[in-house]
Amino acid sequence: MSEQRNSPSAETQLSHSFGLIQLIATPIGNLGDITFRAVEALRHADLIACEDTRHSRKLLDHLGIEFRELIALHEHNEKARVHLLVERANVGESVACLTDAGMPGISDPGYRLVNAALEAGIRVEVLPGPSAVTTALVGSGFPSDAFYFGGFLPVKSGRRATELSAAIARRETSIYFESPYRILTTLRVIADLAPEHEVCVARELTKKFETYHRGSAEALAKEFTQRPAKGEITLLIHGAGRNKISGEAD
């Protein structure tokens, strides 16, 4: 019996419960980017698990979605709370999972919930939508046939320098999230390692003051020294040995 619980067959997953867990991508800035499918799912959800209930409440109010039961699901309580959400789905309820922006599970809560649901034989649906990773990649003009996403850069200087060295040497485009308070230091590290290496700083994606800053690490370090960065930032590092125009290997 325990083996069936850990590795449920397709038939077991379908027959185990009529409940459902949905991971729903939400706008990363512009609220107009919410999908019709996401709105319908939120309207019919019995319970919505939110990274920040206050943030999600604003989105629901904007969409005209009235009372729904909200529960907090964030990095500090996800491990303990996923079992409650799975139990709610197990008795036939529809459980939606939202993060503050973008796709749940991508540097945000969601990973543990999906695994717990699959182990319990609960049906899981992923509703696609906005993502800072793919938005920044396409907008940067860097090669996009293959890329590496490293999440948030390490805070400690030694680990960050090691990660950036690996990105500079990597063949694929590397993508990271970075704080506006650390981006200048990060650019200076890259400039020290490879001053002519091409990078892109994507700011405030989909928002009113969205900007892409593209150039050598040295040039961008100088630019952000004169004009400190603000807002949400995605950092892209061009792949080594890739043509800047075609993206093909030199």
C-alpha atoms as a PDB file:
ATOM      1  CA  MET A   1       0.000   0.000   0.000  1.00  0.00           C
ATOM      2  CA  SER A   2       2.841   2.388   0.835  1.00  0.00           C
ATOM      3  CA  GLU A   3       4.384   1.802  -2.594  1.00  0.00           C
ATOM      4  CA  GLN A   4       1.153   2.850  -4.317  1.00  0.00           C
ATOM      5  CA  ARG A   5       1.061   6.030  -2.228  1.00  0.00           C
ATOM      6  CA  ASN A   6       4.606   7.006  -3.143  1.00  0.00           C
ATOM      7  CA  SER A   7       4.343   6.113  -6.830  1.00  0.00           C
ATOM      8  CA  PRO A   8       0.663   6.336  -7.855  1.00  0.00           C
ATOM      9  CA  SER A   9      -0.330   5.143 -11.308  1.00  0.00           C
ATOM     10  CA  ALA A  10      -2.220   7.415 -13.692  1.00  0.00           C
ATOM     11  CA  GLU A  11      -5.443   5.572 -12.855  1.00  0.00           C
ATOM     12  CA  THR A  12      -4.805   5.982  -9.133  1.00  0.00           C
ATOM     13  CA  GLN A  13      -4.259   9.720  -9.555  1.00  0.00           C
ATOM     14  CA  LEU A  14      -7.534  10.135 -11.417  1.00  0.00           C
ATOM     15  CA  SER A  15      -9.647   7.994  -9.106  1.00  0.00           C
ATOM     16  CA  HIS A  16      -8.098   8.943  -5.764  1.00  0.00           C
ATOM     17  CA  SER A  17      -9.926  12.218  -5.427  1.00  0.00           C
ATOM     18  CA  PHE A  18     -12.026  14.744  -7.269  1.00  0.00           C
ATOM     19  CA  GLY A  19      -9.994  17.486  -5.638  1.00  0.00           C
ATOM     20  CA  LEU A  20      -7.506  19.623  -7.496  1.00  0.00           C
ATOM     21  CA  ILE A  21      -4.424  21.725  -6.806  1.00  0.00           C
ATOM     22  CA  GLN A  22      -3.689  24.495  -9.301  1.00  0.00           C
ATOM     23  CA  LEU A  23      -0.497  26.533  -9.486  1.00  0.00           C
ATOM     24  CA  ILE A  24      -1.444  29.838 -11.077  1.00  0.00           C
ATOM     25  CA  ALA A  25       1.010  32.321 -12.590  1.00  0.00           C
ATOM     26  CA  THR A  26       0.226  35.949 -11.734  1.00  0.00           C
ATOM     27  CA  PRO A  27       1.414  39.256 -13.254  1.00  0.00           C
ATOM     28  CA  ILE A  28       4.992  40.320 -12.548  1.00  0.00           C
ATOM     29  CA  GLY A  29       3.992  43.966 -12.853  1.00  0.00           C
ATOM     30  CA  ASN A  30       1.232  44.809 -15.295  1.00  0.00           C
ATOM     31  CA  LEU A  31      -2.062  43.437 -13.938  1.00  0.00           C
ATOM     32  CA  GLY A  32      -3.371  43.191 -17.495  1.00  0.00           C
ATOM     33  CA  ASP A  33      -1.155  40.156 -18.001  1.00  0.00           C
ATOM     34  CA  ILE A  34      -3.423  37.860 -15.964  1.00  0.00           C
ATOM     35  CA  THR A  35      -4.910  35.137 -18.179  1.00  0.00           C
ATOM     36  CA  PHE A  36      -8.617  34.394 -18.647  1.00  0.00           C
ATOM     37  CA  ARG A  37      -7.976  30.853 -17.454  1.00  0.00           C
ATOM     38  CA  ALA A  38      -6.329  32.122 -14.262  1.00  0.00           C
ATOM     39  CA  VAL A  39      -9.291  34.378 -13.494  1.00  0.00           C
ATOM     40  CA  GLU A  40     -11.762  31.530 -13.942  1.00  0.00           C
ATOM     41  CA  ALA A  41      -9.700  29.243 -11.727  1.00  0.00           C
ATOM     42  CA  LEU A  42      -9.525  31.836  -8.962  1.00  0.00           C
ATOM     43  CA  ARG A  43     -13.269  32.458  -9.168  1.00  0.00           C
ATOM     44  CA  HIS A  44     -13.999  28.780  -8.584  1.00  0.00           C
ATOM     45  CA  ALA A  45     -11.298  27.962  -6.040  1.00  0.00           C
ATOM     46  CA  ASP A  46     -12.438  26.865  -2.585  1.00  0.00           C
ATOM     47  CA  LEU A  47      -9.143  27.866  -1.006  1.00  0.00           C
ATOM     48  CA  ILE A  48      -6.295  30.093  -2.216  1.00  0.00           C
ATOM     49  CA  ALA A  49      -2.803  29.624  -0.779  1.00  0.00           C
ATOM     50  CA  CYS A  50      -0.855  32.889  -1.092  1.00  0.00           C
ATOM     51  CA  GLU A  51       2.762  33.852  -0.560  1.00  0.00           C
ATOM     52  CA  ASP A  52       1.400  37.101   0.928  1.00  0.00           C
ATOM     53  CA  THR A  53      -2.351  37.234   1.554  1.00  0.00           C
ATOM     54  CA  ARG A  54      -2.368  41.048   1.510  1.00  0.00           C
ATOM     55  CA  HIS A  55      -0.712  41.139  -1.901  1.00  0.00           C
ATOM     56  CA  SER A  56      -3.046  38.501  -3.344  1.00  0.00           C
ATOM     57  CA  ARG A  57      -6.094  40.232  -1.887  1.00  0.00           C
ATOM     58  CA  LYS A  58      -5.232  43.346  -3.918  1.00  0.00           C
ATOM     59  CA  LEU A  59      -5.077  41.231  -7.087  1.00  0.00           C
ATOM     60  CA  LEU A  60      -8.402  39.549  -6.297  1.00  0.00           C
ATOM     61  CA  ASP A  61     -10.019  42.925  -5.610  1.00  0.00           C
ATOM     62  CA  HIS A  62      -8.698  44.209  -8.949  1.00  0.00           C
ATOM     63  CA  LEU A  63     -10.232  41.188 -10.692  1.00  0.00           C
ATOM     64  CA  GLY A  64     -13.559  41.659  -8.918  1.00  0.00           C
ATOM     65  CA  ILE A  65     -13.296  38.286  -7.209  1.00  0.00           C
ATOM     66  CA  GLU A  66     -15.156  38.440  -3.924  1.00  0.00           C
ATOM     67  CA  PHE A  67     -14.691  36.414  -0.757  1.00  0.00           C
ATOM     68  CA  ARG A  68     -12.400  33.461  -0.968  1.00  0.00           C
ATOM     69  CA  GLU A  69     -10.675  31.692   1.881  1.00  0.00           C
ATOM     70  CA  LEU A  70      -7.016  32.751   1.850  1.00  0.00           C
ATOM     71  CA  ILE A  71      -4.173  31.024   3.652  1.00  0.00           C
ATOM     72  CA  ALA A  72      -0.512  32.035   3.804  1.00  0.00           C
ATOM     73  CA  LEU A  73       1.999  29.735   2.095  1.00  0.00           C
ATOM     74  CA  HIS A  74       5.532  31.094   2.097  1.00  0.00           C
ATOM     75  CA  GLU A  75       9.106  29.867   2.458  1.00  0.00           C
ATOM     76  CA  HIS A  76       8.910  29.796   6.250  1.00  0.00           C
ATOM     77  CA  ASN A  77       5.784  27.636   6.579  1.00  0.00           C
ATOM     78  CA  GLU A  78       5.501  25.738   3.283  1.00  0.00           C
ATOM     79  CA  LYS A  79       6.974  22.502   4.599  1.00  0.00           C
ATOM     80  CA  ALA A  80       4.464  22.330   7.455  1.00  0.00           C
ATOM     81  CA  ARG A  81       1.417  23.672   5.624  1.00  0.00           C
ATOM     82  CA  VAL A  82       1.379  21.619   2.407  1.00  0.00           C
ATOM     83  CA  HIS A  83      -0.222  18.679   4.216  1.00  0.00           C
ATOM     84  CA  LEU A  84      -3.229  20.817   5.142  1.00  0.00           C
ATOM     85  CA  LEU A  85      -3.647  21.892   1.502  1.00  0.00           C
ATOM     86  CA  VAL A  86      -3.361  18.313   0.267  1.00  0.00           C
ATOM     87  CA  GLU A  87      -5.995  17.213   2.788  1.00  0.00           C
ATOM     88  CA  ARG A  88      -8.358  19.930   1.585  1.00  0.00           C
ATOM     89  CA  ALA A  89      -7.920  18.743  -2.003  1.00  0.00           C
ATOM     90  CA  ASN A  90      -8.274  15.150  -0.843  1.00  0.00           C
ATOM     91  CA  VAL A  91     -11.852  15.790   0.293  1.00  0.00           C
ATOM     92  CA  GLY A  92     -12.786  17.226  -3.081  1.00  0.00           C
ATOM     93  CA  GLU A  93     -11.921  20.920  -2.826  1.00  0.00           C
ATOM     94  CA  SER A  94     -10.170  23.062  -5.413  1.00  0.00           C
ATOM     95  CA  VAL A  95      -6.983  24.609  -4.014  1.00  0.00           C
ATOM     96  CA  ALA A  96      -5.224  27.439  -5.873  1.00  0.00           C
ATOM     97  CA  CYS A  97      -1.618  28.432  -5.201  1.00  0.00           C
ATOM     98  CA  LEU A  98      -0.390  31.977  -5.881  1.00  0.00           C
ATOM     99  CA  THR A  99       2.895  33.745  -5.299  1.00  0.00           C
ATOM    100  CA  ASP A 100       3.401  37.498  -5.260  1.00  0.00           C
ATOM    101  CA  ALA A 101       4.440  37.548  -8.918  1.00  0.00           C
ATOM    102  CA  GLY A 102       5.157  35.049 -11.656  1.00  0.00           C
ATOM    103  CA  MET A 103       5.020  31.275 -11.548  1.00  0.00           C
ATOM    104  CA  PRO A 104       4.793  29.449  -8.210  1.00  0.00           C
ATOM    105  CA  GLY A 105       7.713  27.105  -7.746  1.00  0.00           C
ATOM    106  CA  ILE A 106      10.228  29.307  -9.594  1.00  0.00           C
ATOM    107  CA  SER A 107      12.291  30.751  -6.712  1.00  0.00           C
ATOM    108  CA  ASP A 108       8.976  30.871  -4.834  1.00  0.00           C
ATOM    109  CA  PRO A 109       6.824  28.459  -2.791  1.00  0.00           C
ATOM    110  CA  GLY A 110       5.151  25.660  -4.741  1.00  0.00           C
ATOM    111  CA  TYR A 111       7.741  22.928  -5.188  1.00  0.00           C
ATOM    112  CA  ARG A 112       6.914  21.101  -1.949  1.00  0.00           C
ATOM    113  CA  LEU A 113       3.173  21.423  -2.565  1.00  0.00           C
ATOM    114  CA  VAL A 114       3.396  19.812  -6.000  1.00  0.00           C
ATOM    115  CA  ASN A 115       5.443  16.889  -4.692  1.00  0.00           C
ATOM    116  CA  ALA A 116       3.153  16.310  -1.722  1.00  0.00           C
ATOM    117  CA  ALA A 117       0.105  16.390  -3.999  1.00  0.00           C
ATOM    118  CA  LEU A 118       1.594  13.936  -6.488  1.00  0.00           C
ATOM    119  CA  GLU A 119       2.597  11.549  -3.718  1.00  0.00           C
ATOM    120  CA  ALA A 120      -0.979  11.661  -2.399  1.00  0.00           C
ATOM    121  CA  GLY A 121      -2.486  11.051  -5.816  1.00  0.00           C
ATOM    122  CA  ILE A 122      -4.024  14.534  -6.064  1.00  0.00           C
ATOM    123  CA  ARG A 123      -4.439  16.004  -9.532  1.00  0.00           C
ATOM    124  CA  VAL A 124      -2.148  18.980 -10.160  1.00  0.00           C
ATOM    125  CA  GLU A 125      -2.622  21.601 -12.865  1.00  0.00           C
ATOM    126  CA  VAL A 126      -0.172  24.356 -13.798  1.00  0.00           C
ATOM    127  CA  LEU A 127      -1.735  27.439 -15.361  1.00  0.00           C
ATOM    128  CA  PRO A 128       1.005  29.162 -17.400  1.00  0.00           C
ATOM    129  CA  GLY A 129       1.493  32.890 -17.466  1.00  0.00           C
ATOM    130  CA  PRO A 130       3.981  35.691 -16.783  1.00  0.00           C
ATOM    131  CA  SER A 131       7.567  34.910 -15.809  1.00  0.00           C
ATOM    132  CA  ALA A 132      10.406  37.367 -15.280  1.00  0.00           C
ATOM    133  CA  VAL A 133      12.868  34.709 -16.463  1.00  0.00           C
ATOM    134  CA  THR A 134      11.533  34.285 -19.988  1.00  0.00           C
ATOM    135  CA  THR A 135      10.450  37.930 -20.316  1.00  0.00           C
ATOM    136  CA  ALA A 136      13.943  39.185 -19.515  1.00  0.00           C
ATOM    137  CA  LEU A 137      15.593  36.565 -21.723  1.00  0.00           C
ATOM    138  CA  VAL A 138      13.604  37.506 -24.817  1.00  0.00           C
ATOM    139  CA  GLY A 139      13.861  41.243 -24.143  1.00  0.00           C
ATOM    140  CA  SER A 140      17.634  41.130 -23.656  1.00  0.00           C
ATOM    141  CA  GLY A 141      18.308  39.875 -27.161  1.00  0.00           C
ATOM    142  CA  PHE A 142      20.756  37.316 -25.749  1.00  0.00           C
ATOM    143  CA  PRO A 143      20.805  33.752 -27.170  1.00  0.00           C
ATOM    144  CA  SER A 144      17.683  31.953 -25.982  1.00  0.00           C
ATOM    145  CA  ASP A 145      18.002  28.485 -27.523  1.00  0.00           C
ATOM    146  CA  ALA A 146      19.463  27.315 -24.194  1.00  0.00           C
ATOM    147  CA  PHE A 147      19.827  29.126 -20.889  1.00  0.00           C
ATOM    148  CA  TYR A 148      20.678  28.634 -17.234  1.00  0.00           C
ATOM    149  CA  PHE A 149      18.515  30.045 -14.438  1.00  0.00           C
ATOM    150  CA  GLY A 150      20.273  30.367 -11.112  1.00  0.00           C
ATOM    151  CA  GLY A 151      17.549  31.976  -9.006  1.00  0.00           C
ATOM    152  CA  PHE A 152      18.720  34.664  -6.573  1.00  0.00           C
ATOM    153  CA  LEU A 153      22.446  35.299  -6.517  1.00  0.00           C
ATOM    154  CA  PRO A 154      24.170  34.360  -3.234  1.00  0.00           C
ATOM    155  CA  VAL A 155      24.391  37.186  -0.720  1.00  0.00           C
ATOM    156  CA  LYS A 156      27.841  36.257   0.581  1.00  0.00           C
ATOM    157  CA  SER A 157      30.571  37.819  -1.550  1.00  0.00           C
ATOM    158  CA  GLY A 158      32.690  34.678  -1.920  1.00  0.00           C
ATOM    159  CA  ARG A 159      29.846  32.478  -3.109  1.00  0.00           C
ATOM    160  CA  ARG A 160      28.558  35.234  -5.386  1.00  0.00           C
ATOM    161  CA  ALA A 161      31.966  35.652  -7.049  1.00  0.00           C
ATOM    162  CA  THR A 162      32.166  31.885  -7.588  1.00  0.00           C
ATOM    163  CA  GLU A 163      28.708  31.828  -9.176  1.00  0.00           C
ATOM    164  CA  LEU A 164      29.485  34.799 -11.426  1.00  0.00           C
ATOM    165  CA  SER A 165      32.760  33.217 -12.553  1.00  0.00           C
ATOM    166  CA  ALA A 166      30.815  30.116 -13.577  1.00  0.00           C
ATOM    167  CA  ALA A 167      28.279  32.252 -15.459  1.00  0.00           C
ATOM    168  CA  ILE A 168      31.002  34.057 -17.395  1.00  0.00           C
ATOM    169  CA  ALA A 169      32.456  30.718 -18.484  1.00  0.00           C
ATOM    170  CA  ARG A 170      29.109  29.078 -19.230  1.00  0.00           C
ATOM    171  CA  ARG A 171      28.149  28.619 -22.892  1.00  0.00           C
ATOM    172  CA  GLU A 172      24.484  29.383 -22.263  1.00  0.00           C
ATOM    173  CA  THR A 173      22.918  32.689 -21.253  1.00  0.00           C
ATOM    174  CA  SER A 174      22.771  32.875 -17.448  1.00  0.00           C
ATOM    175  CA  ILE A 175      19.826  34.495 -15.683  1.00  0.00           C
ATOM    176  CA  TYR A 176      19.616  35.578 -12.036  1.00  0.00           C
ATOM    177  CA  PHE A 177      17.415  37.642  -9.751  1.00  0.00           C
ATOM    178  CA  GLU A 178      19.302  40.368  -7.895  1.00  0.00           C
ATOM    179  CA  SER A 179      18.511  43.040  -5.345  1.00  0.00           C
ATOM    180  CA  PRO A 180      18.718  46.693  -6.475  1.00  0.00           C
ATOM    181  CA  TYR A 181      20.897  47.249  -3.395  1.00  0.00           C
ATOM    182  CA  ARG A 182      23.482  44.711  -4.580  1.00  0.00           C
ATOM    183  CA  ILE A 183      23.384  45.041  -8.373  1.00  0.00           C
ATOM    184  CA  LEU A 184      26.192  47.628  -8.504  1.00  0.00           C
ATOM    185  CA  THR A 185      28.471  45.421  -6.409  1.00  0.00           C
ATOM    186  CA  THR A 186      27.585  42.459  -8.627  1.00  0.00           C
ATOM    187  CA  LEU A 187      28.378  44.390 -11.806  1.00  0.00           C
ATOM    188  CA  ARG A 188      31.712  45.455 -10.357  1.00  0.00           C
ATOM    189  CA  VAL A 189      32.570  41.832  -9.593  1.00  0.00           C
ATOM    190  CA  ILE A 190      31.787  40.846 -13.185  1.00  0.00           C
ATOM    191  CA  ALA A 191      33.785  43.824 -14.471  1.00  0.00           C
ATOM    192  CA  ASP A 192      36.774  42.765 -12.383  1.00  0.00           C
ATOM    193  CA  LEU A 193      36.553  39.222 -13.746  1.00  0.00           C
ATOM    194  CA  ALA A 194      35.780  40.042 -17.395  1.00  0.00           C
ATOM    195  CA  PRO A 195      35.330  43.789 -18.099  1.00  0.00           C
ATOM    196  CA  GLU A 196      34.216  43.334 -21.725  1.00  0.00           C
ATOM    197  CA  HIS A 197      31.782  40.514 -21.058  1.00  0.00           C
ATOM    198  CA  GLU A 198      28.270  41.491 -22.171  1.00  0.00           C
ATOM    199  CA  VAL A 199      25.521  41.678 -19.571  1.00  0.00           C
ATOM    200  CA  CYS A 200      21.981  42.983 -19.386  1.00  0.00           C
ATOM    201  CA  VAL A 201      20.116  44.452 -16.420  1.00  0.00           C
ATOM    202  CA  ALA A 202      16.337  44.196 -16.902  1.00  0.00           C
ATOM    203  CA  ARG A 203      14.395  46.464 -14.523  1.00  0.00           C
ATOM    204  CA  GLU A 204      10.736  46.711 -13.553  1.00  0.00           C
ATOM    205  CA  LEU A 205       9.589  44.263 -16.218  1.00  0.00           C
ATOM    206  CA  THR A 206       6.102  44.950 -17.645  1.00  0.00           C
ATOM    207  CA  LYS A 207       5.758  48.037 -15.426  1.00  0.00           C
ATOM    208  CA  LYS A 208       5.565  51.692 -16.458  1.00  0.00           C
ATOM    209  CA  PHE A 209       9.292  52.310 -16.022  1.00  0.00           C
ATOM    210  CA  GLU A 210      10.559  49.056 -17.557  1.00  0.00           C
ATOM    211  CA  THR A 211      14.127  49.378 -18.882  1.00  0.00           C
ATOM    212  CA  TYR A 212      16.799  47.123 -20.366  1.00  0.00           C
ATOM    213  CA  HIS A 213      20.408  48.162 -19.814  1.00  0.00           C
ATOM    214  CA  ARG A 214      22.738  46.224 -22.089  1.00  0.00           C
ATOM    215  CA  GLY A 215      26.488  46.523 -22.565  1.00  0.00           C
ATOM    216  CA  SER A 216      29.854  45.452 -21.209  1.00  0.00           C
ATOM    217  CA  ALA A 217      30.095  44.744 -17.487  1.00  0.00           C
ATOM    218  CA  GLU A 218      32.500  47.649 -17.133  1.00  0.00           C
ATOM    219  CA  ALA A 219      30.172  50.077 -18.931  1.00  0.00           C
ATOM    220  CA  LEU A 220      27.125  49.056 -16.887  1.00  0.00           C
ATOM    221  CA  ALA A 221      29.070  49.258 -13.649  1.00  0.00           C
ATOM    222  CA  LYS A 222      29.913  52.870 -14.521  1.00  0.00           C
ATOM    223  CA  GLU A 223      26.303  53.584 -15.531  1.00  0.00           C
ATOM    224  CA  PHE A 224      24.848  52.316 -12.267  1.00  0.00           C
ATOM    225  CA  THR A 225      27.509  54.126 -10.264  1.00  0.00           C
ATOM    226  CA  GLN A 226      26.113  57.377 -11.639  1.00  0.00           C
ATOM    227  CA  ARG A 227      22.470  56.297 -11.463  1.00  0.00           C
ATOM    228  CA  PRO A 228      21.598  53.816  -8.688  1.00  0.00           C
ATOM    229  CA  ALA A 229      19.166  51.087  -9.654  1.00  0.00           C
ATOM    230  CA  LYS A 230      15.639  50.837  -8.303  1.00  0.00           C
ATOM    231  CA  GLY A 231      12.905  48.244  -8.512  1.00  0.00           C
ATOM    232  CA  GLU A 232      12.857  44.538  -9.353  1.00  0.00           C
ATOM    233  CA  ILE A 233      15.935  43.402 -11.255  1.00  0.00           C
ATOM    234  CA  THR A 234      16.765  40.433 -13.468  1.00  0.00           C
ATOM    235  CA  LEU A 235      20.421  40.070 -14.455  1.00  0.00           C
ATOM    236  CA  LEU A 236      21.489  38.290 -17.640  1.00  0.00           C
ATOM    237  CA  ILE A 237      25.039  37.279 -18.523  1.00  0.00           C
ATOM    238  CA  HIS A 238      25.833  36.495 -22.159  1.00  0.00           C
ATOM    239  CA  GLY A 239      27.047  32.990 -22.882  1.00  0.00           C
ATOM    240  CA  ALA A 240      30.740  32.527 -23.545  1.00  0.00           C
ATOM    241  CA  GLY A 241      31.777  31.879 -27.133  1.00  0.00           C
ATOM    242  CA  ARG A 242      28.371  32.871 -28.538  1.00  0.00           C
ATOM    243  CA  ASN A 243      27.991  35.308 -31.429  1.00  0.00           C
ATOM    244  CA  LYS A 244      26.367  38.516 -30.209  1.00  0.00           C
ATOM    245  CA  ILE A 245      24.214  38.785 -33.331  1.00  0.00           C
ATOM    246  CA  SER A 246      23.184  35.241 -34.262  1.00  0.00           C
ATOM    247  CA  GLY A 247      23.711  33.578 -30.879  1.00  0.00           C
ATOM    248  CA  GLU A 248      25.588  30.751 -32.604  1.00  0.00           C
ATOM    249  CA  ALA A 249      28.974  29.515 -31.462  1.00  0.00           C
ATOM    250  CA  ASP A 250      31.875  31.581 -32.789  1.00  0.00           C
END
